[in-house]
Amino acid sequence: MTETAIVSVHDVMPSTFSRVKKILERLEEAGVPPSTLLVVPGKDWTPELLDSLRTLVGQGYTLAGHGWVHKATSGRRTFYHKGHALLISRNEAEHLSRPPGESAEMIQRCYDWFGAVGLPSPELYVPPAWALGSLPFNRLADLPFRWYEVLRGFLEARTGRVLWLPLAGFEADTTFREVSLRFWNGLNVHLAKRLRGPLRISIHPGDLELLLEKDLDRMVRRPWRFVGEADVLGAEPGSETT
């Protein structure tokens, strides 16, 4: 059975756009089809950059919402947030330490931005660092995104269905992260084989300059059958035709 994988490129924003384009060129050269781009709306998007996003959509790329500014608040943080920042997210977990109402408003604002600038409205929301914070899963059904990607996999908002999927990442800027992520990635590739489900391959803008660049290159050149989120999660309930 051919192993499957989902590729997503995170933190797409004006300040990272040139590096994102290099990643997309690397993926195309490796034979990876158009992937999912995680867009951060609350930045200084120029008309030219928005046109570039529209061009990518026309080439087959899928857009997803990814926070608002992709930075955590500068106010008081919970003990969990401090630990999460130290081990995983640094200052990127935007939803952590926010009240549920603020997180819900941010998600709605993120969704509304796409339509306001003439981009397709996404079905997927990926909170920065995969962390929804204190926002309860049962409140997601009241928000416009259909799917939410968290650390353990995909959550379908209207049904509460969770699809657990292994995850690989390459954002290693220290020796500790290099060793930890290499072990983590090996474990998750093994899990993907055992579970016969897609491996999520998560790529960040700086990964081609960091310590696992060669690992990333080898990973995307494996003989995967690349699929998208819609291929894995299926049609929206009630949308099937008979």
C-alpha atoms as a PDB file:
ATOM      1  CA  MET A   1       0.000   0.000   0.000  1.00  0.00           C
ATOM      2  CA  THR A   2       1.371   3.407  -1.006  1.00  0.00           C
ATOM      3  CA  GLU A   3       2.044   5.666   1.982  1.00  0.00           C
ATOM      4  CA  THR A   4       0.109   8.937   1.963  1.00  0.00           C
ATOM      5  CA  ALA A   5       1.012  12.414   3.151  1.00  0.00           C
ATOM      6  CA  ILE A   6      -0.530  15.876   3.520  1.00  0.00           C
ATOM      7  CA  VAL A   7       1.795  18.855   3.030  1.00  0.00           C
ATOM      8  CA  SER A   8       1.122  22.276   4.541  1.00  0.00           C
ATOM      9  CA  VAL A   9       3.242  25.436   4.462  1.00  0.00           C
ATOM     10  CA  HIS A  10       2.809  27.568   7.555  1.00  0.00           C
ATOM     11  CA  ASP A  11       3.082  31.269   8.390  1.00  0.00           C
ATOM     12  CA  VAL A  12       2.359  32.700   4.947  1.00  0.00           C
ATOM     13  CA  MET A  13       2.556  36.471   5.431  1.00  0.00           C
ATOM     14  CA  PRO A  14       4.193  39.441   3.714  1.00  0.00           C
ATOM     15  CA  SER A  15       7.449  39.158   5.678  1.00  0.00           C
ATOM     16  CA  THR A  16       7.835  35.453   4.797  1.00  0.00           C
ATOM     17  CA  PHE A  17       6.469  35.452   1.266  1.00  0.00           C
ATOM     18  CA  SER A  18       9.809  35.281  -0.557  1.00  0.00           C
ATOM     19  CA  ARG A  19      10.906  32.317   1.589  1.00  0.00           C
ATOM     20  CA  VAL A  20       7.543  30.618   1.103  1.00  0.00           C
ATOM     21  CA  LYS A  21       7.971  30.912  -2.670  1.00  0.00           C
ATOM     22  CA  LYS A  22      11.378  29.195  -2.397  1.00  0.00           C
ATOM     23  CA  ILE A  23       9.772  26.379  -0.430  1.00  0.00           C
ATOM     24  CA  LEU A  24       7.056  25.992  -3.059  1.00  0.00           C
ATOM     25  CA  GLU A  25       9.725  25.860  -5.758  1.00  0.00           C
ATOM     26  CA  ARG A  26      11.559  23.147  -3.806  1.00  0.00           C
ATOM     27  CA  LEU A  27       8.351  21.167  -3.386  1.00  0.00           C
ATOM     28  CA  GLU A  28       7.459  21.487  -7.061  1.00  0.00           C
ATOM     29  CA  GLU A  29      10.948  20.345  -8.055  1.00  0.00           C
ATOM     30  CA  ALA A  30      10.486  17.303  -5.786  1.00  0.00           C
ATOM     31  CA  GLY A  31       7.225  16.440  -7.525  1.00  0.00           C
ATOM     32  CA  VAL A  32       4.920  17.509  -4.676  1.00  0.00           C
ATOM     33  CA  PRO A  33       1.554  18.762  -5.997  1.00  0.00           C
ATOM     34  CA  PRO A  34       0.096  22.101  -4.820  1.00  0.00           C
ATOM     35  CA  SER A  35      -0.300  22.001  -1.052  1.00  0.00           C
ATOM     36  CA  THR A  36      -2.150  23.910   1.676  1.00  0.00           C
ATOM     37  CA  LEU A  37      -0.931  27.411   2.527  1.00  0.00           C
ATOM     38  CA  LEU A  38      -1.586  28.655   6.062  1.00  0.00           C
ATOM     39  CA  VAL A  39      -2.224  32.390   5.698  1.00  0.00           C
ATOM     40  CA  VAL A  40      -1.874  34.973   8.496  1.00  0.00           C
ATOM     41  CA  PRO A  41      -4.336  37.756   7.588  1.00  0.00           C
ATOM     42  CA  GLY A  42      -3.557  40.524  10.088  1.00  0.00           C
ATOM     43  CA  LYS A  43      -0.427  41.754   8.371  1.00  0.00           C
ATOM     44  CA  ASP A  44       0.387  44.444   5.801  1.00  0.00           C
ATOM     45  CA  TRP A  45      -0.821  42.628   2.703  1.00  0.00           C
ATOM     46  CA  THR A  46      -0.256  44.753  -0.397  1.00  0.00           C
ATOM     47  CA  PRO A  47      -2.394  44.477  -3.537  1.00  0.00           C
ATOM     48  CA  GLU A  48       0.569  42.861  -5.300  1.00  0.00           C
ATOM     49  CA  LEU A  49       0.948  40.172  -2.635  1.00  0.00           C
ATOM     50  CA  LEU A  50      -2.784  39.494  -2.636  1.00  0.00           C
ATOM     51  CA  ASP A  51      -2.573  39.048  -6.401  1.00  0.00           C
ATOM     52  CA  SER A  52       0.241  36.556  -5.796  1.00  0.00           C
ATOM     53  CA  LEU A  53      -2.021  34.594  -3.444  1.00  0.00           C
ATOM     54  CA  ARG A  54      -4.773  34.588  -6.080  1.00  0.00           C
ATOM     55  CA  THR A  55      -2.270  33.273  -8.626  1.00  0.00           C
ATOM     56  CA  LEU A  56      -1.316  30.444  -6.282  1.00  0.00           C
ATOM     57  CA  VAL A  57      -4.983  29.585  -5.784  1.00  0.00           C
ATOM     58  CA  GLY A  58      -5.343  29.469  -9.566  1.00  0.00           C
ATOM     59  CA  GLN A  59      -2.437  27.022  -9.685  1.00  0.00           C
ATOM     60  CA  GLY A  60      -4.235  24.652  -7.327  1.00  0.00           C
ATOM     61  CA  TYR A  61      -3.024  25.686  -3.875  1.00  0.00           C
ATOM     62  CA  THR A  62      -5.530  25.616  -1.014  1.00  0.00           C
ATOM     63  CA  LEU A  63      -5.670  28.423   1.544  1.00  0.00           C
ATOM     64  CA  ALA A  64      -6.265  27.980   5.277  1.00  0.00           C
ATOM     65  CA  GLY A  65      -6.656  30.487   8.105  1.00  0.00           C
ATOM     66  CA  HIS A  66      -3.751  30.680  10.548  1.00  0.00           C
ATOM     67  CA  GLY A  67      -4.457  33.042  13.425  1.00  0.00           C
ATOM     68  CA  TRP A  68      -4.546  36.799  13.002  1.00  0.00           C
ATOM     69  CA  VAL A  69      -1.016  38.125  13.662  1.00  0.00           C
ATOM     70  CA  HIS A  70       0.622  34.843  14.795  1.00  0.00           C
ATOM     71  CA  LYS A  71       1.970  36.328  18.025  1.00  0.00           C
ATOM     72  CA  ALA A  72       0.934  35.638  21.587  1.00  0.00           C
ATOM     73  CA  THR A  73      -0.331  38.435  23.783  1.00  0.00           C
ATOM     74  CA  SER A  74       2.201  40.376  25.808  1.00  0.00           C
ATOM     75  CA  GLY A  75       0.014  40.256  28.929  1.00  0.00           C
ATOM     76  CA  ARG A  76      -0.241  37.714  31.707  1.00  0.00           C
ATOM     77  CA  ARG A  77       0.340  34.098  30.632  1.00  0.00           C
ATOM     78  CA  THR A  78      -0.787  30.878  32.203  1.00  0.00           C
ATOM     79  CA  PHE A  79       1.727  28.376  33.566  1.00  0.00           C
ATOM     80  CA  TYR A  80       0.785  26.027  30.712  1.00  0.00           C
ATOM     81  CA  HIS A  81       1.428  28.796  28.170  1.00  0.00           C
ATOM     82  CA  LYS A  82       4.898  29.425  29.606  1.00  0.00           C
ATOM     83  CA  GLY A  83       5.763  25.730  29.362  1.00  0.00           C
ATOM     84  CA  HIS A  84       4.302  25.461  25.880  1.00  0.00           C
ATOM     85  CA  ALA A  85       6.334  28.471  24.754  1.00  0.00           C
ATOM     86  CA  LEU A  86       9.535  26.985  26.154  1.00  0.00           C
ATOM     87  CA  LEU A  87       9.114  23.565  24.549  1.00  0.00           C
ATOM     88  CA  ILE A  88       7.121  24.194  21.371  1.00  0.00           C
ATOM     89  CA  SER A  89       5.795  27.581  20.393  1.00  0.00           C
ATOM     90  CA  ARG A  90       8.157  30.319  21.592  1.00  0.00           C
ATOM     91  CA  ASN A  91       6.021  33.463  21.196  1.00  0.00           C
ATOM     92  CA  GLU A  92       3.774  32.137  18.437  1.00  0.00           C
ATOM     93  CA  ALA A  93       0.817  30.443  20.179  1.00  0.00           C
ATOM     94  CA  GLU A  94      -1.608  33.303  19.624  1.00  0.00           C
ATOM     95  CA  HIS A  95      -4.643  31.696  21.261  1.00  0.00           C
ATOM     96  CA  LEU A  96      -2.992  30.643  24.524  1.00  0.00           C
ATOM     97  CA  SER A  97      -3.845  32.804  27.567  1.00  0.00           C
ATOM     98  CA  ARG A  98      -6.737  34.451  25.679  1.00  0.00           C
ATOM     99  CA  PRO A  99     -10.325  34.175  26.960  1.00  0.00           C
ATOM    100  CA  PRO A 100     -12.560  31.963  24.789  1.00  0.00           C
ATOM    101  CA  GLY A 101     -14.536  34.951  23.521  1.00  0.00           C
ATOM    102  CA  GLU A 102     -11.405  36.676  22.228  1.00  0.00           C
ATOM    103  CA  SER A 103     -10.258  33.517  20.469  1.00  0.00           C
ATOM    104  CA  ALA A 104     -13.664  33.056  18.846  1.00  0.00           C
ATOM    105  CA  GLU A 105     -13.661  36.665  17.646  1.00  0.00           C
ATOM    106  CA  MET A 106     -10.172  36.227  16.190  1.00  0.00           C
ATOM    107  CA  ILE A 107     -11.214  33.116  14.280  1.00  0.00           C
ATOM    108  CA  GLN A 108     -14.269  34.905  12.864  1.00  0.00           C
ATOM    109  CA  ARG A 109     -12.148  37.909  11.857  1.00  0.00           C
ATOM    110  CA  CYS A 110      -9.650  35.600  10.166  1.00  0.00           C
ATOM    111  CA  TYR A 111     -12.393  33.922   8.141  1.00  0.00           C
ATOM    112  CA  ASP A 112     -14.021  37.226   7.128  1.00  0.00           C
ATOM    113  CA  TRP A 113     -10.722  38.633   5.829  1.00  0.00           C
ATOM    114  CA  PHE A 114     -10.480  36.160   2.954  1.00  0.00           C
ATOM    115  CA  GLY A 115     -13.816  37.144   1.439  1.00  0.00           C
ATOM    116  CA  ALA A 116     -13.124  40.843   2.051  1.00  0.00           C
ATOM    117  CA  VAL A 117      -9.952  40.730  -0.083  1.00  0.00           C
ATOM    118  CA  GLY A 118     -11.438  38.534  -2.813  1.00  0.00           C
ATOM    119  CA  LEU A 119      -9.854  35.217  -1.832  1.00  0.00           C
ATOM    120  CA  PRO A 120     -11.713  31.903  -1.471  1.00  0.00           C
ATOM    121  CA  SER A 121     -13.152  31.378   2.003  1.00  0.00           C
ATOM    122  CA  PRO A 122     -11.170  28.541   3.611  1.00  0.00           C
ATOM    123  CA  GLU A 123     -12.663  25.462   5.234  1.00  0.00           C
ATOM    124  CA  LEU A 124      -9.629  24.842   7.468  1.00  0.00           C
ATOM    125  CA  TYR A 125      -8.326  26.834  10.425  1.00  0.00           C
ATOM    126  CA  VAL A 126      -4.962  26.010  11.985  1.00  0.00           C
ATOM    127  CA  PRO A 127      -4.287  27.912  15.225  1.00  0.00           C
ATOM    128  CA  PRO A 128      -0.656  29.035  15.509  1.00  0.00           C
ATOM    129  CA  ALA A 129       1.386  26.231  17.102  1.00  0.00           C
ATOM    130  CA  TRP A 130      -1.749  24.051  16.766  1.00  0.00           C
ATOM    131  CA  ALA A 131      -2.964  25.487  20.110  1.00  0.00           C
ATOM    132  CA  LEU A 132      -6.602  26.584  20.536  1.00  0.00           C
ATOM    133  CA  GLY A 133      -6.066  27.494  24.156  1.00  0.00           C
ATOM    134  CA  SER A 134      -9.146  27.680  26.379  1.00  0.00           C
ATOM    135  CA  LEU A 135     -11.634  27.755  23.493  1.00  0.00           C
ATOM    136  CA  PRO A 136     -13.845  24.666  23.993  1.00  0.00           C
ATOM    137  CA  PHE A 137     -14.250  22.366  21.015  1.00  0.00           C
ATOM    138  CA  ASN A 138     -18.041  22.546  21.343  1.00  0.00           C
ATOM    139  CA  ARG A 139     -17.956  26.264  20.502  1.00  0.00           C
ATOM    140  CA  LEU A 140     -16.314  25.667  17.144  1.00  0.00           C
ATOM    141  CA  ALA A 141     -19.615  24.631  15.540  1.00  0.00           C
ATOM    142  CA  ASP A 142     -20.772  28.254  15.894  1.00  0.00           C
ATOM    143  CA  LEU A 143     -17.781  29.516  13.910  1.00  0.00           C
ATOM    144  CA  PRO A 144     -17.460  29.438  10.108  1.00  0.00           C
ATOM    145  CA  PHE A 145     -14.545  27.062   9.551  1.00  0.00           C
ATOM    146  CA  ARG A 146     -15.445  23.427   8.962  1.00  0.00           C
ATOM    147  CA  TRP A 147     -12.154  21.862  10.081  1.00  0.00           C
ATOM    148  CA  TYR A 148      -9.601  22.731  12.758  1.00  0.00           C
ATOM    149  CA  GLU A 149      -6.133  21.247  12.815  1.00  0.00           C
ATOM    150  CA  VAL A 150      -4.641  20.728  16.260  1.00  0.00           C
ATOM    151  CA  LEU A 151      -1.537  18.873  17.381  1.00  0.00           C
ATOM    152  CA  ARG A 152      -3.216  15.475  17.383  1.00  0.00           C
ATOM    153  CA  GLY A 153      -5.009  15.793  14.036  1.00  0.00           C
ATOM    154  CA  PHE A 154      -8.140  17.260  12.441  1.00  0.00           C
ATOM    155  CA  LEU A 155     -11.331  18.162  14.255  1.00  0.00           C
ATOM    156  CA  GLU A 156     -14.580  18.542  12.312  1.00  0.00           C
ATOM    157  CA  ALA A 157     -16.457  21.356  14.030  1.00  0.00           C
ATOM    158  CA  ARG A 158     -20.074  20.412  13.295  1.00  0.00           C
ATOM    159  CA  THR A 159     -19.783  16.736  14.184  1.00  0.00           C
ATOM    160  CA  GLY A 160     -17.010  16.764  16.776  1.00  0.00           C
ATOM    161  CA  ARG A 161     -15.269  14.007  14.817  1.00  0.00           C
ATOM    162  CA  VAL A 162     -11.515  13.882  15.434  1.00  0.00           C
ATOM    163  CA  LEU A 163      -9.160  12.235  12.961  1.00  0.00           C
ATOM    164  CA  TRP A 164      -5.875  11.447  14.681  1.00  0.00           C
ATOM    165  CA  LEU A 165      -2.939  11.803  12.268  1.00  0.00           C
ATOM    166  CA  PRO A 166       0.840  11.720  12.824  1.00  0.00           C
ATOM    167  CA  LEU A 167       2.749  14.962  12.331  1.00  0.00           C
ATOM    168  CA  ALA A 168       6.286  15.768  11.135  1.00  0.00           C
ATOM    169  CA  GLY A 169       8.003  19.155  11.427  1.00  0.00           C
ATOM    170  CA  PHE A 170      11.418  20.658  10.759  1.00  0.00           C
ATOM    171  CA  GLU A 171      11.620  23.962  12.643  1.00  0.00           C
ATOM    172  CA  ALA A 172      14.907  23.151  14.407  1.00  0.00           C
ATOM    173  CA  ASP A 173      16.996  26.188  15.319  1.00  0.00           C
ATOM    174  CA  THR A 174      18.875  24.568  18.225  1.00  0.00           C
ATOM    175  CA  THR A 175      20.656  21.248  18.690  1.00  0.00           C
ATOM    176  CA  PHE A 176      18.019  20.195  21.227  1.00  0.00           C
ATOM    177  CA  ARG A 177      15.233  20.819  18.722  1.00  0.00           C
ATOM    178  CA  GLU A 178      17.205  19.096  15.975  1.00  0.00           C
ATOM    179  CA  VAL A 179      17.579  15.905  18.015  1.00  0.00           C
ATOM    180  CA  SER A 180      14.038  16.050  19.398  1.00  0.00           C
ATOM    181  CA  LEU A 181      12.379  16.640  16.029  1.00  0.00           C
ATOM    182  CA  ARG A 182      14.434  13.989  14.281  1.00  0.00           C
ATOM    183  CA  PHE A 183      13.265  11.445  16.870  1.00  0.00           C
ATOM    184  CA  TRP A 184       9.689  12.780  16.693  1.00  0.00           C
ATOM    185  CA  ASN A 185       9.609  12.615  12.904  1.00  0.00           C
ATOM    186  CA  GLY A 186      10.953   9.077  12.799  1.00  0.00           C
ATOM    187  CA  LEU A 187       8.333   7.970  15.300  1.00  0.00           C
ATOM    188  CA  ASN A 188       5.527   9.626  13.362  1.00  0.00           C
ATOM    189  CA  VAL A 189       6.591   8.194  10.007  1.00  0.00           C
ATOM    190  CA  HIS A 190       6.472   4.778  11.679  1.00  0.00           C
ATOM    191  CA  LEU A 191       3.008   5.547  13.099  1.00  0.00           C
ATOM    192  CA  ALA A 192       1.762   6.647   9.682  1.00  0.00           C
ATOM    193  CA  LYS A 193       2.851   3.293   8.255  1.00  0.00           C
ATOM    194  CA  ARG A 194       1.242   1.331  11.067  1.00  0.00           C
ATOM    195  CA  LEU A 195      -2.022   3.307  11.012  1.00  0.00           C
ATOM    196  CA  ARG A 196      -2.141   3.405   7.205  1.00  0.00           C
ATOM    197  CA  GLY A 197      -3.186   7.020   7.398  1.00  0.00           C
ATOM    198  CA  PRO A 198      -1.615  10.193   6.041  1.00  0.00           C
ATOM    199  CA  LEU A 199       1.423  11.756   7.631  1.00  0.00           C
ATOM    200  CA  ARG A 200       1.066  15.509   8.052  1.00  0.00           C
ATOM    201  CA  ILE A 201       4.244  17.180   6.770  1.00  0.00           C
ATOM    202  CA  SER A 202       4.419  20.676   8.250  1.00  0.00           C
ATOM    203  CA  ILE A 203       6.849  23.176   6.714  1.00  0.00           C
ATOM    204  CA  HIS A 204       7.715  26.627   8.094  1.00  0.00           C
ATOM    205  CA  PRO A 205       9.254  29.527   6.135  1.00  0.00           C
ATOM    206  CA  GLY A 206      12.731  29.242   7.648  1.00  0.00           C
ATOM    207  CA  ASP A 207      13.076  25.483   7.407  1.00  0.00           C
ATOM    208  CA  LEU A 208      15.356  25.569   4.357  1.00  0.00           C
ATOM    209  CA  GLU A 209      17.898  27.545   6.413  1.00  0.00           C
ATOM    210  CA  LEU A 210      17.632  25.503   9.612  1.00  0.00           C
ATOM    211  CA  LEU A 211      19.249  22.312  10.909  1.00  0.00           C
ATOM    212  CA  LEU A 212      16.815  19.789   9.400  1.00  0.00           C
ATOM    213  CA  GLU A 213      16.882  21.100   5.824  1.00  0.00           C
ATOM    214  CA  LYS A 214      18.309  17.821   4.490  1.00  0.00           C
ATOM    215  CA  ASP A 215      15.754  15.812   6.458  1.00  0.00           C
ATOM    216  CA  LEU A 216      12.999  17.917   4.938  1.00  0.00           C
ATOM    217  CA  ASP A 217      14.360  17.402   1.454  1.00  0.00           C
ATOM    218  CA  ARG A 218      14.512  13.626   1.933  1.00  0.00           C
ATOM    219  CA  MET A 219      11.026  13.579   3.451  1.00  0.00           C
ATOM    220  CA  VAL A 220       9.285  15.296   0.548  1.00  0.00           C
ATOM    221  CA  ARG A 221      11.135  13.125  -1.984  1.00  0.00           C
ATOM    222  CA  ARG A 222       9.829   9.884  -0.507  1.00  0.00           C
ATOM    223  CA  PRO A 223       7.368   8.090  -2.799  1.00  0.00           C
ATOM    224  CA  TRP A 224       4.282   9.408  -1.019  1.00  0.00           C
ATOM    225  CA  ARG A 225       0.818   9.579  -2.473  1.00  0.00           C
ATOM    226  CA  PHE A 226       0.101  13.210  -1.670  1.00  0.00           C
ATOM    227  CA  VAL A 227      -3.470  14.031  -0.665  1.00  0.00           C
ATOM    228  CA  GLY A 228      -5.355  17.073   0.598  1.00  0.00           C
ATOM    229  CA  GLU A 229      -7.448  17.568   3.707  1.00  0.00           C
ATOM    230  CA  ALA A 230     -10.669  17.170   1.730  1.00  0.00           C
ATOM    231  CA  ASP A 231      -9.488  13.800   0.428  1.00  0.00           C
ATOM    232  CA  VAL A 232      -8.967  12.610   3.980  1.00  0.00           C
ATOM    233  CA  LEU A 233     -11.975  14.090   5.744  1.00  0.00           C
ATOM    234  CA  GLY A 234     -14.497  13.592   2.978  1.00  0.00           C
ATOM    235  CA  ALA A 235     -17.517  15.584   1.907  1.00  0.00           C
ATOM    236  CA  GLU A 236     -19.360  17.835   4.320  1.00  0.00           C
ATOM    237  CA  PRO A 237     -22.282  16.072   5.988  1.00  0.00           C
ATOM    238  CA  GLY A 238     -25.427  16.561   3.919  1.00  0.00           C
ATOM    239  CA  SER A 239     -23.516  17.500   0.768  1.00  0.00           C
ATOM    240  CA  GLU A 240     -23.511  14.029  -0.779  1.00  0.00           C
ATOM    241  CA  THR A 241     -25.592  13.550  -3.878  1.00  0.00           C
ATOM    242  CA  THR A 242     -27.640  10.454  -4.655  1.00  0.00           C
END
